[in-house]
Amino acid sequence: MRGSSPAIALACRYRARDRPVIAVDDDGPGVSAVDLERLGQRFFRPSGSPGGGSGLGLSIGVSAVKAHGGAVRFAPSALGGLRVELHGFTLRRRLSGSVSDHN
């Protein structure tokens, strides 16, 4: 509907001994099956993309997830738009000193 807010759903799944999976779904126009295969490639912009941009944003995000040992999966969303899943990454923060040193 025109003027309505877009729907976005965020889910996180984590079980003992597994790595996390974060999924983001939206109800936007989605991406064609052909374009889904190329999402995340440098300088790629799906057909029908709004003006502006260089096609680097998703590729930078994919590279960051891969640098942390993970993977990114793009798929059609149950909401009608795009689903992005981040799989198997690890984020570690090394703390030095006591917890009170970081407050």
PDB file of N, CA and C in Angstrom:
ATOM      1  N   MET A   1       0.818  -1.179   0.000  1.00  0.00           N
ATOM      2  CA  MET A   1       0.000   0.000   0.000  1.00  0.00           C
ATOM      3  C   MET A   1       0.865   1.246   0.000  1.00  0.00           C
ATOM      4  N   ARG A   2       0.447   2.193  -0.755  1.00  0.00           N
ATOM      5  CA  ARG A   2       1.196   3.441  -0.793  1.00  0.00           C
ATOM      6  C   ARG A   2       1.087   4.152   0.552  1.00  0.00           C
ATOM      7  N   GLY A   3       2.209   4.612   1.056  1.00  0.00           N
ATOM      8  CA  GLY A   3       2.228   5.329   2.318  1.00  0.00           C
ATOM      9  C   GLY A   3       2.368   4.441   3.534  1.00  0.00           C
ATOM     10  N   SER A   4       2.288   3.134   3.356  1.00  0.00           N
ATOM     11  CA  SER A   4       2.454   2.255   4.509  1.00  0.00           C
ATOM     12  C   SER A   4       3.932   2.017   4.761  1.00  0.00           C
ATOM     13  N   SER A   5       4.254   1.686   5.983  1.00  0.00           N
ATOM     14  CA  SER A   5       5.648   1.425   6.349  1.00  0.00           C
ATOM     15  C   SER A   5       6.072   0.059   5.835  1.00  0.00           C
ATOM     16  N   PRO A   6       7.323  -0.068   5.408  1.00  0.00           N
ATOM     17  CA  PRO A   6       7.804  -1.380   4.970  1.00  0.00           C
ATOM     18  C   PRO A   6       7.908  -2.335   6.160  1.00  0.00           C
ATOM     19  N   ALA A   7       7.675  -3.605   5.890  1.00  0.00           N
ATOM     20  CA  ALA A   7       7.811  -4.623   6.933  1.00  0.00           C
ATOM     21  C   ALA A   7       9.202  -5.229   6.845  1.00  0.00           C
ATOM     22  N   ILE A   8       9.842  -5.321   7.993  1.00  0.00           N
ATOM     23  CA  ILE A   8      11.155  -5.956   8.094  1.00  0.00           C
ATOM     24  C   ILE A   8      11.117  -6.892   9.293  1.00  0.00           C
ATOM     25  N   ALA A   9      11.550  -8.120   9.085  1.00  0.00           N
ATOM     26  CA  ALA A   9      11.594  -9.093  10.175  1.00  0.00           C
ATOM     27  C   ALA A   9      13.045  -9.502  10.402  1.00  0.00           C
ATOM     28  N   LEU A  10      13.439  -9.564  11.663  1.00  0.00           N
ATOM     29  CA  LEU A  10      14.797  -9.944  12.039  1.00  0.00           C
ATOM     30  C   LEU A  10      14.707 -11.146  12.963  1.00  0.00           C
ATOM     31  N   ALA A  11      15.490 -12.180  12.671  1.00  0.00           N
ATOM     32  CA  ALA A  11      15.503 -13.374  13.514  1.00  0.00           C
ATOM     33  C   ALA A  11      16.944 -13.799  13.750  1.00  0.00           C
ATOM     34  N   CYS A  12      17.212 -14.297  14.946  1.00  0.00           N
ATOM     35  CA  CYS A  12      18.543 -14.807  15.284  1.00  0.00           C
ATOM     36  C   CYS A  12      18.366 -16.178  15.901  1.00  0.00           C
ATOM     37  N   ARG A  13      19.137 -17.139  15.419  1.00  0.00           N
ATOM     38  CA  ARG A  13      19.064 -18.508  15.925  1.00  0.00           C
ATOM     39  C   ARG A  13      20.458 -18.903  16.400  1.00  0.00           C
ATOM     40  N   TYR A  14      20.508 -19.399  17.616  1.00  0.00           N
ATOM     41  CA  TYR A  14      21.793 -19.837  18.166  1.00  0.00           C
ATOM     42  C   TYR A  14      21.534 -20.973  19.136  1.00  0.00           C
ATOM     43  N   ARG A  15      22.215 -22.063  18.932  1.00  0.00           N
ATOM     44  CA  ARG A  15      22.118 -23.202  19.835  1.00  0.00           C
ATOM     45  C   ARG A  15      23.512 -23.579  20.296  1.00  0.00           C
ATOM     46  N   ALA A  16      23.582 -24.207  21.458  1.00  0.00           N
ATOM     47  CA  ALA A  16      24.885 -24.636  21.978  1.00  0.00           C
ATOM     48  C   ALA A  16      25.626 -25.430  20.901  1.00  0.00           C
ATOM     49  N   ARG A  17      26.900 -25.171  20.776  1.00  0.00           N
ATOM     50  CA  ARG A  17      27.809 -25.809  19.819  1.00  0.00           C
ATOM     51  C   ARG A  17      27.580 -25.400  18.370  1.00  0.00           C
ATOM     52  N   ASP A  18      26.577 -24.578  18.103  1.00  0.00           N
ATOM     53  CA  ASP A  18      26.351 -24.072  16.746  1.00  0.00           C
ATOM     54  C   ASP A  18      26.818 -22.631  16.670  1.00  0.00           C
ATOM     55  N   ARG A  19      27.021 -22.184  15.502  1.00  0.00           N
ATOM     56  CA  ARG A  19      27.300 -20.772  15.292  1.00  0.00           C
ATOM     57  C   ARG A  19      25.975 -20.073  14.991  1.00  0.00           C
ATOM     58  N   PRO A  20      25.906 -18.774  15.194  1.00  0.00           N
ATOM     59  CA  PRO A  20      24.633 -18.074  15.000  1.00  0.00           C
ATOM     60  C   PRO A  20      24.218 -17.964  13.536  1.00  0.00           C
ATOM     61  N   VAL A  21      22.911 -17.851  13.344  1.00  0.00           N
ATOM     62  CA  VAL A  21      22.335 -17.532  12.039  1.00  0.00           C
ATOM     63  C   VAL A  21      21.440 -16.316  12.266  1.00  0.00           C
ATOM     64  N   ILE A  22      21.694 -15.263  11.527  1.00  0.00           N
ATOM     65  CA  ILE A  22      20.864 -14.065  11.592  1.00  0.00           C
ATOM     66  C   ILE A  22      20.170 -13.935  10.240  1.00  0.00           C
ATOM     67  N   ALA A  23      18.842 -13.763  10.280  1.00  0.00           N
ATOM     68  CA  ALA A  23      18.067 -13.634   9.050  1.00  0.00           C
ATOM     69  C   ALA A  23      17.298 -12.319   9.070  1.00  0.00           C
ATOM     70  N   VAL A  24      17.315 -11.625   7.943  1.00  0.00           N
ATOM     71  CA  VAL A  24      16.562 -10.388   7.774  1.00  0.00           C
ATOM     72  C   VAL A  24      15.673 -10.557   6.547  1.00  0.00           C
ATOM     73  N   ASP A  25      14.364 -10.349   6.737  1.00  0.00           N
ATOM     74  CA  ASP A  25      13.384 -10.432   5.652  1.00  0.00           C
ATOM     75  C   ASP A  25      12.726  -9.079   5.474  1.00  0.00           C
ATOM     76  N   ASP A  26      12.363  -8.756   4.227  1.00  0.00           N
ATOM     77  CA  ASP A  26      11.582  -7.543   3.999  1.00  0.00           C
ATOM     78  C   ASP A  26      10.469  -7.823   2.999  1.00  0.00           C
ATOM     79  N   ASP A  27       9.548  -6.864   2.885  1.00  0.00           N
ATOM     80  CA  ASP A  27       8.423  -7.014   1.967  1.00  0.00           C
ATOM     81  C   ASP A  27       8.564  -6.114   0.746  1.00  0.00           C
ATOM     82  N   GLY A  28       9.807  -5.770   0.407  1.00  0.00           N
ATOM     83  CA  GLY A  28      10.067  -4.920  -0.751  1.00  0.00           C
ATOM     84  C   GLY A  28       9.803  -5.643  -2.056  1.00  0.00           C
ATOM     85  N   PRO A  29      10.259  -5.067  -3.162  1.00  0.00           N
ATOM     86  CA  PRO A  29       9.989  -5.650  -4.475  1.00  0.00           C
ATOM     87  C   PRO A  29      10.743  -6.956  -4.749  1.00  0.00           C
ATOM     88  N   GLY A  30      11.719  -7.280  -3.923  1.00  0.00           N
ATOM     89  CA  GLY A  30      12.476  -8.514  -4.138  1.00  0.00           C
ATOM     90  C   GLY A  30      13.497  -8.386  -5.254  1.00  0.00           C
ATOM     91  N   VAL A  31      14.126  -9.491  -5.568  1.00  0.00           N
ATOM     92  CA  VAL A  31      15.184  -9.537  -6.582  1.00  0.00           C
ATOM     93  C   VAL A  31      14.910 -10.758  -7.457  1.00  0.00           C
ATOM     94  N   SER A  32      15.121 -10.624  -8.752  1.00  0.00           N
ATOM     95  CA  SER A  32      14.889 -11.753  -9.670  1.00  0.00           C
ATOM     96  C   SER A  32      15.838 -12.906  -9.355  1.00  0.00           C
ATOM     97  N   ALA A  33      15.459 -14.099  -9.778  1.00  0.00           N
ATOM     98  CA  ALA A  33      16.290 -15.288  -9.550  1.00  0.00           C
ATOM     99  C   ALA A  33      17.667 -15.131 -10.183  1.00  0.00           C
ATOM    100  N   VAL A  34      17.722 -14.508 -11.353  1.00  0.00           N
ATOM    101  CA  VAL A  34      19.008 -14.290 -12.033  1.00  0.00           C
ATOM    102  C   VAL A  34      19.878 -13.344 -11.213  1.00  0.00           C
ATOM    103  N   ASP A  35      19.275 -12.268 -10.706  1.00  0.00           N
ATOM    104  CA  ASP A  35      20.034 -11.292  -9.924  1.00  0.00           C
ATOM    105  C   ASP A  35      20.441 -11.841  -8.553  1.00  0.00           C
ATOM    106  N   LEU A  36      19.629 -12.736  -7.972  1.00  0.00           N
ATOM    107  CA  LEU A  36      19.980 -13.333  -6.669  1.00  0.00           C
ATOM    108  C   LEU A  36      21.346 -14.002  -6.715  1.00  0.00           C
ATOM    109  N   GLU A  37      21.644 -14.653  -7.833  1.00  0.00           N
ATOM    110  CA  GLU A  37      22.921 -15.362  -7.984  1.00  0.00           C
ATOM    111  C   GLU A  37      24.111 -14.416  -7.973  1.00  0.00           C
ATOM    112  N   ARG A  38      23.888 -13.156  -8.341  1.00  0.00           N
ATOM    113  CA  ARG A  38      25.002 -12.205  -8.441  1.00  0.00           C
ATOM    114  C   ARG A  38      25.077 -11.227  -7.275  1.00  0.00           C
ATOM    115  N   LEU A  39      24.063 -11.218  -6.404  1.00  0.00           N
ATOM    116  CA  LEU A  39      24.101 -10.302  -5.255  1.00  0.00           C
ATOM    117  C   LEU A  39      25.372 -10.534  -4.446  1.00  0.00           C
ATOM    118  N   GLY A  40      25.987  -9.472  -4.033  1.00  0.00           N
ATOM    119  CA  GLY A  40      27.219  -9.573  -3.251  1.00  0.00           C
ATOM    120  C   GLY A  40      28.482  -9.484  -4.084  1.00  0.00           C
ATOM    121  N   GLN A  41      28.339  -9.537  -5.407  1.00  0.00           N
ATOM    122  CA  GLN A  41      29.510  -9.370  -6.273  1.00  0.00           C
ATOM    123  C   GLN A  41      29.825  -7.880  -6.392  1.00  0.00           C
ATOM    124  N   ARG A  42      31.108  -7.584  -6.444  1.00  0.00           N
ATOM    125  CA  ARG A  42      31.525  -6.179  -6.559  1.00  0.00           C
ATOM    126  C   ARG A  42      30.950  -5.528  -7.816  1.00  0.00           C
ATOM    127  N   PHE A  43      30.448  -4.310  -7.640  1.00  0.00           N
ATOM    128  CA  PHE A  43      29.921  -3.455  -8.693  1.00  0.00           C
ATOM    129  C   PHE A  43      28.628  -3.969  -9.337  1.00  0.00           C
ATOM    130  N   PHE A  44      28.031  -5.011  -8.773  1.00  0.00           N
ATOM    131  CA  PHE A  44      26.767  -5.502  -9.326  1.00  0.00           C
ATOM    132  C   PHE A  44      25.594  -4.759  -8.703  1.00  0.00           C
ATOM    133  N   ARG A  45      24.686  -4.307  -9.552  1.00  0.00           N
ATOM    134  CA  ARG A  45      23.445  -3.675  -9.099  1.00  0.00           C
ATOM    135  C   ARG A  45      22.289  -4.386  -9.794  1.00  0.00           C
ATOM    136  N   PRO A  46      21.331  -4.915  -9.018  1.00  0.00           N
ATOM    137  CA  PRO A  46      20.204  -5.632  -9.637  1.00  0.00           C
ATOM    138  C   PRO A  46      19.403  -4.735 -10.572  1.00  0.00           C
ATOM    139  N   SER A  47      18.774  -5.348 -11.567  1.00  0.00           N
ATOM    140  CA  SER A  47      17.930  -4.578 -12.479  1.00  0.00           C
ATOM    141  C   SER A  47      16.803  -3.931 -11.678  1.00  0.00           C
ATOM    142  N   GLY A  48      16.476  -2.704 -12.045  1.00  0.00           N
ATOM    143  CA  GLY A  48      15.425  -1.974 -11.344  1.00  0.00           C
ATOM    144  C   GLY A  48      15.884  -1.290 -10.073  1.00  0.00           C
ATOM    145  N   SER A  49      17.187  -1.308  -9.784  1.00  0.00           N
ATOM    146  CA  SER A  49      17.706  -0.631  -8.591  1.00  0.00           C
ATOM    147  C   SER A  49      17.505   0.873  -8.720  1.00  0.00           C
ATOM    148  N   PRO A  50      17.185   1.536  -7.596  1.00  0.00           N
ATOM    149  CA  PRO A  50      17.068   2.993  -7.659  1.00  0.00           C
ATOM    150  C   PRO A  50      18.407   3.624  -8.023  1.00  0.00           C
ATOM    151  N   GLY A  51      18.377   4.837  -8.520  1.00  0.00           N
ATOM    152  CA  GLY A  51      19.595   5.542  -8.932  1.00  0.00           C
ATOM    153  C   GLY A  51      20.572   5.722  -7.790  1.00  0.00           C
ATOM    154  N   GLY A  52      21.814   5.954  -8.144  1.00  0.00           N
ATOM    155  CA  GLY A  52      22.868   6.147  -7.154  1.00  0.00           C
ATOM    156  C   GLY A  52      23.475   4.816  -6.742  1.00  0.00           C
ATOM    157  N   GLY A  53      24.573   4.918  -6.056  1.00  0.00           N
ATOM    158  CA  GLY A  53      25.252   3.704  -5.601  1.00  0.00           C
ATOM    159  C   GLY A  53      26.195   3.149  -6.641  1.00  0.00           C
ATOM    160  N   SER A  54      27.164   2.398  -6.158  1.00  0.00           N
ATOM    161  CA  SER A  54      28.170   1.843  -7.061  1.00  0.00           C
ATOM    162  C   SER A  54      28.147   0.326  -7.103  1.00  0.00           C
ATOM    163  N   GLY A  55      27.288  -0.300  -6.303  1.00  0.00           N
ATOM    164  CA  GLY A  55      27.256  -1.754  -6.283  1.00  0.00           C
ATOM    165  C   GLY A  55      28.318  -2.357  -5.389  1.00  0.00           C
ATOM    166  N   LEU A  56      28.818  -1.590  -4.432  1.00  0.00           N
ATOM    167  CA  LEU A  56      29.852  -2.112  -3.534  1.00  0.00           C
ATOM    168  C   LEU A  56      29.342  -2.453  -2.134  1.00  0.00           C
ATOM    169  N   GLY A  57      28.215  -1.902  -1.722  1.00  0.00           N
ATOM    170  CA  GLY A  57      27.740  -2.070  -0.349  1.00  0.00           C
ATOM    171  C   GLY A  57      27.583  -3.517   0.081  1.00  0.00           C
ATOM    172  N   LEU A  58      26.841  -4.300  -0.691  1.00  0.00           N
ATOM    173  CA  LEU A  58      26.645  -5.702  -0.319  1.00  0.00           C
ATOM    174  C   LEU A  58      27.948  -6.489  -0.389  1.00  0.00           C
ATOM    175  N   SER A  59      28.796  -6.193  -1.370  1.00  0.00           N
ATOM    176  CA  SER A  59      30.053  -6.939  -1.478  1.00  0.00           C
ATOM    177  C   SER A  59      30.952  -6.665  -0.278  1.00  0.00           C
ATOM    178  N   ILE A  60      30.932  -5.446   0.241  1.00  0.00           N
ATOM    179  CA  ILE A  60      31.711  -5.129   1.443  1.00  0.00           C
ATOM    180  C   ILE A  60      31.157  -5.899   2.640  1.00  0.00           C
ATOM    181  N   GLY A  61      29.829  -5.937   2.769  1.00  0.00           N
ATOM    182  CA  GLY A  61      29.207  -6.689   3.852  1.00  0.00           C
ATOM    183  C   GLY A  61      29.518  -8.177   3.778  1.00  0.00           C
ATOM    184  N   VAL A  62      29.426  -8.747   2.582  1.00  0.00           N
ATOM    185  CA  VAL A  62      29.738 -10.166   2.389  1.00  0.00           C
ATOM    186  C   VAL A  62      31.193 -10.437   2.758  1.00  0.00           C
ATOM    187  N   SER A  63      32.101  -9.568   2.339  1.00  0.00           N
ATOM    188  CA  SER A  63      33.520  -9.732   2.669  1.00  0.00           C
ATOM    189  C   SER A  63      33.759  -9.691   4.175  1.00  0.00           C
ATOM    190  N   ALA A  64      33.056  -8.803   4.875  1.00  0.00           N
ATOM    191  CA  ALA A  64      33.215  -8.703   6.327  1.00  0.00           C
ATOM    192  C   ALA A  64      32.742  -9.980   7.025  1.00  0.00           C
ATOM    193  N   VAL A  65      31.610 -10.518   6.595  1.00  0.00           N
ATOM    194  CA  VAL A  65      31.103 -11.759   7.187  1.00  0.00           C
ATOM    195  C   VAL A  65      32.072 -12.907   6.909  1.00  0.00           C
ATOM    196  N   LYS A  66      32.580 -12.996   5.675  1.00  0.00           N
ATOM    197  CA  LYS A  66      33.550 -14.046   5.330  1.00  0.00           C
ATOM    198  C   LYS A  66      34.829 -13.912   6.147  1.00  0.00           C
ATOM    199  N   ALA A  67      35.253 -12.675   6.422  1.00  0.00           N
ATOM    200  CA  ALA A  67      36.471 -12.449   7.212  1.00  0.00           C
ATOM    201  C   ALA A  67      36.314 -12.973   8.638  1.00  0.00           C
ATOM    202  N   HIS A  68      35.065 -13.097   9.092  1.00  0.00           N
ATOM    203  CA  HIS A  68      34.790 -13.628  10.432  1.00  0.00           C
ATOM    204  C   HIS A  68      34.354 -15.090  10.375  1.00  0.00           C
ATOM    205  N   GLY A  69      34.657 -15.770   9.272  1.00  0.00           N
ATOM    206  CA  GLY A  69      34.399 -17.201   9.160  1.00  0.00           C
ATOM    207  C   GLY A  69      32.987 -17.565   8.761  1.00  0.00           C
ATOM    208  N   GLY A  70      32.226 -16.623   8.248  1.00  0.00           N
ATOM    209  CA  GLY A  70      30.829 -16.893   7.924  1.00  0.00           C
ATOM    210  C   GLY A  70      30.524 -16.886   6.446  1.00  0.00           C
ATOM    211  N   ALA A  71      29.246 -16.964   6.151  1.00  0.00           N
ATOM    212  CA  ALA A  71      28.755 -16.948   4.777  1.00  0.00           C
ATOM    213  C   ALA A  71      27.454 -16.160   4.740  1.00  0.00           C
ATOM    214  N   VAL A  72      27.126 -15.643   3.563  1.00  0.00           N
ATOM    215  CA  VAL A  72      25.893 -14.897   3.359  1.00  0.00           C
ATOM    216  C   VAL A  72      25.078 -15.626   2.306  1.00  0.00           C
ATOM    217  N   ARG A  73      23.783 -15.747   2.570  1.00  0.00           N
ATOM    218  CA  ARG A  73      22.872 -16.385   1.618  1.00  0.00           C
ATOM    219  C   ARG A  73      21.737 -15.409   1.316  1.00  0.00           C
ATOM    220  N   PHE A  74      21.422 -15.229   0.033  1.00  0.00           N
ATOM    221  CA  PHE A  74      20.318 -14.385  -0.404  1.00  0.00           C
ATOM    222  C   PHE A  74      19.234 -15.288  -0.967  1.00  0.00           C
ATOM    223  N   ALA A  75      17.971 -14.997  -0.639  1.00  0.00           N
ATOM    224  CA  ALA A  75      16.852 -15.818  -1.103  1.00  0.00           C
ATOM    225  C   ALA A  75      15.587 -14.957  -1.128  1.00  0.00           C
ATOM    226  N   PRO A  76      14.551 -15.449  -1.812  1.00  0.00           N
ATOM    227  CA  PRO A  76      13.271 -14.745  -1.724  1.00  0.00           C
ATOM    228  C   PRO A  76      12.737 -14.842  -0.291  1.00  0.00           C
ATOM    229  N   SER A  77      12.067 -13.798   0.148  1.00  0.00           N
ATOM    230  CA  SER A  77      11.511 -13.753   1.493  1.00  0.00           C
ATOM    231  C   SER A  77      10.061 -14.215   1.507  1.00  0.00           C
ATOM    232  N   ALA A  78       9.640 -14.828   2.593  1.00  0.00           N
ATOM    233  CA  ALA A  78       8.238 -15.190   2.777  1.00  0.00           C
ATOM    234  C   ALA A  78       7.360 -13.941   2.843  1.00  0.00           C
ATOM    235  N   LEU A  79       7.973 -12.785   3.133  1.00  0.00           N
ATOM    236  CA  LEU A  79       7.229 -11.526   3.175  1.00  0.00           C
ATOM    237  C   LEU A  79       7.041 -10.929   1.777  1.00  0.00           C
ATOM    238  N   GLY A  80       7.670 -11.537   0.758  1.00  0.00           N
ATOM    239  CA  GLY A  80       7.527 -11.060  -0.609  1.00  0.00           C
ATOM    240  C   GLY A  80       8.746 -10.353  -1.167  1.00  0.00           C
ATOM    241  N   GLY A  81       9.675  -9.955  -0.321  1.00  0.00           N
ATOM    242  CA  GLY A  81      10.869  -9.241  -0.762  1.00  0.00           C
ATOM    243  C   GLY A  81      12.098 -10.126  -0.759  1.00  0.00           C
ATOM    244  N   LEU A  82      13.130  -9.658  -0.092  1.00  0.00           N
ATOM    245  CA  LEU A  82      14.420 -10.331  -0.044  1.00  0.00           C
ATOM    246  C   LEU A  82      14.690 -10.871   1.355  1.00  0.00           C
ATOM    247  N   ARG A  83      15.329 -12.031   1.429  1.00  0.00           N
ATOM    248  CA  ARG A  83      15.797 -12.607   2.692  1.00  0.00           C
ATOM    249  C   ARG A  83      17.317 -12.663   2.618  1.00  0.00           C
ATOM    250  N   VAL A  84      17.977 -12.158   3.652  1.00  0.00           N
ATOM    251  CA  VAL A  84      19.433 -12.225   3.760  1.00  0.00           C
ATOM    252  C   VAL A  84      19.749 -12.997   5.027  1.00  0.00           C
ATOM    253  N   GLU A  85      20.540 -14.056   4.890  1.00  0.00           N
ATOM    254  CA  GLU A  85      20.943 -14.865   6.042  1.00  0.00           C
ATOM    255  C   GLU A  85      22.450 -14.791   6.219  1.00  0.00           C
ATOM    256  N   LEU A  86      22.873 -14.537   7.449  1.00  0.00           N
ATOM    257  CA  LEU A  86      24.290 -14.544   7.818  1.00  0.00           C
ATOM    258  C   LEU A  86      24.524 -15.807   8.609  1.00  0.00           C
ATOM    259  N   HIS A  87      25.399 -16.681   8.117  1.00  0.00           N
ATOM    260  CA  HIS A  87      25.639 -17.993   8.717  1.00  0.00           C
ATOM    261  C   HIS A  87      27.049 -18.123   9.253  1.00  0.00           C
ATOM    262  N   GLY A  88      27.186 -18.734  10.404  1.00  0.00           N
ATOM    263  CA  GLY A  88      28.434 -19.286  10.883  1.00  0.00           C
ATOM    264  C   GLY A  88      29.571 -18.354  11.199  1.00  0.00           C
ATOM    265  N   PHE A  89      29.334 -17.086  11.355  1.00  0.00           N
ATOM    266  CA  PHE A  89      30.420 -16.165  11.668  1.00  0.00           C
ATOM    267  C   PHE A  89      30.715 -16.199  13.165  1.00  0.00           C
ATOM    268  N   THR A  90      31.879 -15.734  13.517  1.00  0.00           N
ATOM    269  CA  THR A  90      32.224 -15.608  14.934  1.00  0.00           C
ATOM    270  C   THR A  90      32.703 -14.191  15.180  1.00  0.00           C
ATOM    271  N   LEU A  91      32.249 -13.646  16.273  1.00  0.00           N
ATOM    272  CA  LEU A  91      32.707 -12.331  16.692  1.00  0.00           C
ATOM    273  C   LEU A  91      33.336 -12.499  18.062  1.00  0.00           C
ATOM    274  N   ARG A  92      34.547 -12.079  18.180  1.00  0.00           N
ATOM    275  CA  ARG A  92      35.243 -12.211  19.460  1.00  0.00           C
ATOM    276  C   ARG A  92      35.770 -10.867  19.882  1.00  0.00           C
ATOM    277  N   ARG A  93      35.653 -10.635  21.157  1.00  0.00           N
ATOM    278  CA  ARG A  93      36.197  -9.403  21.711  1.00  0.00           C
ATOM    279  C   ARG A  93      37.078  -9.787  22.880  1.00  0.00           C
ATOM    280  N   ARG A  94      38.299  -9.441  22.803  1.00  0.00           N
ATOM    281  CA  ARG A  94      39.238  -9.750  23.878  1.00  0.00           C
ATOM    282  C   ARG A  94      39.193  -8.617  24.884  1.00  0.00           C
ATOM    283  N   LEU A  95      38.929  -8.982  26.112  1.00  0.00           N
ATOM    284  CA  LEU A  95      38.896  -8.004  27.199  1.00  0.00           C
ATOM    285  C   LEU A  95      40.171  -8.101  28.004  1.00  0.00           C
ATOM    286  N   SER A  96      40.699  -6.956  28.371  1.00  0.00           N
ATOM    287  CA  SER A  96      41.852  -6.948  29.251  1.00  0.00           C
ATOM    288  C   SER A  96      41.437  -6.248  30.545  1.00  0.00           C
ATOM    289  N   GLY A  97      41.922  -6.719  31.641  1.00  0.00           N
ATOM    290  CA  GLY A  97      41.567  -6.129  32.925  1.00  0.00           C
ATOM    291  C   GLY A  97      40.219  -6.623  33.382  1.00  0.00           C
ATOM    292  N   SER A  98      39.660  -5.933  34.327  1.00  0.00           N
ATOM    293  CA  SER A  98      38.380  -6.341  34.877  1.00  0.00           C
ATOM    294  C   SER A  98      37.237  -5.726  34.080  1.00  0.00           C
ATOM    295  N   VAL A  99      36.049  -6.247  34.293  1.00  0.00           N
ATOM    296  CA  VAL A  99      34.875  -5.746  33.603  1.00  0.00           C
ATOM    297  C   VAL A  99      34.661  -4.273  33.952  1.00  0.00           C
ATOM    298  N   SER A 100      34.950  -3.889  35.171  1.00  0.00           N
ATOM    299  CA  SER A 100      34.729  -2.502  35.590  1.00  0.00           C
ATOM    300  C   SER A 100      35.613  -1.524  34.814  1.00  0.00           C
ATOM    301  N   ASP A 101      36.724  -2.018  34.227  1.00  0.00           N
ATOM    302  CA  ASP A 101      37.593  -1.146  33.441  1.00  0.00           C
ATOM    303  C   ASP A 101      36.924  -0.674  32.159  1.00  0.00           C
ATOM    304  N   HIS A 102      35.856  -1.362  31.736  1.00  0.00           N
ATOM    305  CA  HIS A 102      35.226  -1.070  30.453  1.00  0.00           C
ATOM    306  C   HIS A 102      33.879  -0.363  30.604  1.00  0.00           C
ATOM    307  N   ASN A 103      33.538   0.063  31.786  1.00  0.00           N
ATOM    308  CA  ASN A 103      32.249   0.754  32.001  1.00  0.00           C
ATOM    309  C   ASN A 103      32.427   2.242  31.943  1.00  0.00           C
TER     310      ASN A 103
END
